[in-house]
Protein backbone atom coordinates (compact mmCIF):
# COMPACT_ATOMS: atom_id res chain seq x y z
CA UNK A 1 0.00 0.00 0.00
CA UNK A 2 2.84 2.37 0.89
CA UNK A 3 4.63 1.64 -2.36
CA UNK A 4 1.54 2.48 -4.40
CA UNK A 5 1.14 5.85 -2.70
CA UNK A 6 4.84 6.64 -3.26
CA UNK A 7 4.49 5.83 -6.97
CA UNK A 8 1.31 7.91 -7.16
CA UNK A 9 2.96 10.97 -5.60
CA UNK A 10 6.10 10.49 -7.68
CA UNK A 11 4.00 10.45 -10.86
CA UNK A 12 2.01 13.48 -9.70
CA UNK A 13 5.24 15.38 -8.99
CA UNK A 14 6.53 14.64 -12.50
CA UNK A 15 3.31 15.98 -14.02
CA UNK A 16 3.39 19.16 -11.94
CA UNK A 17 7.05 19.68 -12.78
CA UNK A 18 6.31 19.21 -16.49
CA UNK A 19 3.50 21.76 -16.37
CA UNK A 20 5.76 24.26 -14.57
CA UNK A 21 8.49 23.82 -17.17
CA UNK A 22 5.98 24.25 -20.00
CA UNK A 23 4.52 27.40 -18.43
CA UNK A 24 7.98 28.89 -17.85
CA UNK A 25 9.01 28.14 -21.41
CA UNK A 26 5.78 29.67 -22.75
CA UNK A 27 6.43 32.78 -20.69
CA UNK A 28 9.94 33.16 -22.09
CA UNK A 29 8.82 32.66 -25.69
CA UNK A 30 5.85 34.98 -25.20
CA UNK A 31 8.01 37.72 -23.77
CA UNK A 32 10.41 37.51 -26.68
CA UNK A 33 7.72 37.35 -29.34
CA UNK A 34 5.60 40.25 -28.18
CA UNK A 35 8.25 42.49 -26.71
CA UNK A 36 6.32 42.80 -23.45
CA UNK A 37 8.25 44.81 -20.91
CA UNK A 38 8.12 43.68 -17.31
CA UNK A 39 9.70 46.89 -16.10
CA UNK A 40 7.73 49.26 -18.32
CA UNK A 41 5.91 50.83 -15.38
CA UNK A 42 9.12 51.74 -13.60
CA UNK A 43 11.48 53.83 -15.65
CA UNK A 44 13.92 54.22 -12.77
CA UNK A 45 15.67 51.01 -11.96
CA UNK A 46 16.31 50.28 -8.32
CA UNK A 47 18.81 47.74 -7.01
CA UNK A 48 15.98 45.49 -5.86
CA UNK A 49 14.39 45.56 -9.32
CA UNK A 50 17.70 44.77 -10.97
CA UNK A 51 18.30 41.92 -8.52
CA UNK A 52 14.83 40.51 -9.22
CA UNK A 53 15.42 40.72 -12.96
CA UNK A 54 18.79 39.01 -12.56
CA UNK A 55 17.33 36.20 -10.50
CA UNK A 56 14.38 35.85 -12.86
CA UNK A 57 16.61 35.67 -15.90
CA UNK A 58 18.81 33.05 -14.21
CA UNK A 59 15.82 30.89 -13.30
CA UNK A 60 14.29 31.18 -16.75
CA UNK A 61 17.65 30.33 -18.32
CA UNK A 62 17.70 27.09 -16.30
CA UNK A 63 14.51 26.07 -18.10
CA UNK A 64 15.15 27.68 -21.48
CA UNK A 65 18.79 26.71 -22.11
CA UNK A 66 18.33 22.90 -22.11
CA UNK A 67 15.41 23.23 -24.55
CA UNK A 68 17.39 25.49 -26.89
CA UNK A 69 20.45 23.24 -26.65
CA UNK A 70 18.38 20.15 -27.50
CA UNK A 71 16.86 22.02 -30.45
CA UNK A 72 20.34 23.00 -31.69
CA UNK A 73 21.67 19.46 -31.35
CA UNK A 74 18.68 17.98 -33.17
CA UNK A 75 19.02 20.67 -35.86
CA UNK A 76 22.66 19.70 -36.30
CA UNK A 77 21.75 16.05 -36.72
CA UNK A 78 18.86 16.73 -39.10
CA UNK A 79 20.99 19.21 -41.06
CA UNK A 80 23.73 16.62 -41.44
CA UNK A 81 21.22 14.08 -42.75
CA UNK A 82 19.84 16.74 -45.08
CA UNK A 83 23.32 17.45 -46.39
CA UNK A 84 23.94 13.76 -47.06
CA UNK A 85 20.53 13.00 -48.54
CA UNK A 86 20.63 15.95 -50.93
CA UNK A 87 23.99 14.90 -52.33
CA UNK A 88 26.01 17.56 -50.56
CA UNK A 89 23.73 20.57 -51.13
CA UNK A 90 25.17 23.00 -48.60
CA UNK A 91 22.46 25.64 -49.04
CA UNK A 92 19.73 23.17 -48.09
CA UNK A 93 21.68 21.97 -45.07
CA UNK A 94 22.31 25.57 -43.98
CA UNK A 95 18.57 26.19 -44.14
CA UNK A 96 18.29 23.65 -41.31
CA UNK A 97 21.48 24.48 -39.42
CA UNK A 98 21.16 28.26 -39.17
CA UNK A 99 17.72 28.47 -37.53
CA UNK A 100 18.69 25.80 -35.02
CA UNK A 101 22.22 27.02 -34.19
CA UNK A 102 21.61 30.78 -34.10
CA UNK A 103 19.33 32.45 -31.62
CA UNK A 104 19.18 33.18 -27.93
CA UNK A 105 20.74 30.67 -25.56
CA UNK A 106 20.72 32.69 -22.31
CA UNK A 107 17.92 34.88 -20.99
CA UNK A 108 19.25 38.23 -19.75
CA UNK A 109 17.56 41.06 -17.84
CA UNK A 110 17.39 43.00 -21.13
CA UNK A 111 15.22 40.21 -22.55
CA UNK A 112 12.87 40.50 -19.58
CA UNK A 113 12.73 44.28 -19.93
CA UNK A 114 11.78 43.92 -23.58
CA UNK A 115 14.92 45.63 -24.90
CA UNK A 116 16.03 42.51 -26.80
CA UNK A 117 13.92 39.79 -28.39
CA UNK A 118 14.19 36.16 -27.35
CA UNK A 119 14.83 34.19 -30.53
CA UNK A 120 14.37 30.47 -30.05
CA UNK A 121 14.53 29.97 -33.80
CA UNK A 122 17.51 32.04 -34.80
CA UNK A 123 18.33 34.01 -37.89
CA UNK A 124 21.67 34.15 -39.58
CA UNK A 125 24.08 36.94 -38.61
CA UNK A 126 24.14 37.85 -42.30
CA UNK A 127 20.35 38.25 -42.40
CA UNK A 128 20.32 40.33 -39.20
CA UNK A 129 22.54 43.02 -40.74
CA UNK A 130 20.19 43.20 -43.72
CA UNK A 131 17.15 43.87 -41.50
């Protein structure tokens, strides 16, 4: 009986943790996509606000970075297969590699303030200068 309750609570904890990770990730992506500013109401930055932004960015990076890294690794693998299956077409492989390799890997306080976008799917450095 005790073992069943332990397994039940262990499974429940995994579900709650998964929901928290999903919500945190959605928050990060939403902030980057819409340019929402968390500190828009306060133009003067106080040390406590800066500390809160620093801690928030660190916590969000703990969730965001592994997801972005996994995306980059999978993009590298898929891009390599694309390169091989297209007979060495580098342009096609780069179309897979660049969006997965480029982008934001670490959430900073500037991302939370809305000064910089969070780019999960990156753009090439060459394209960014053209924008």
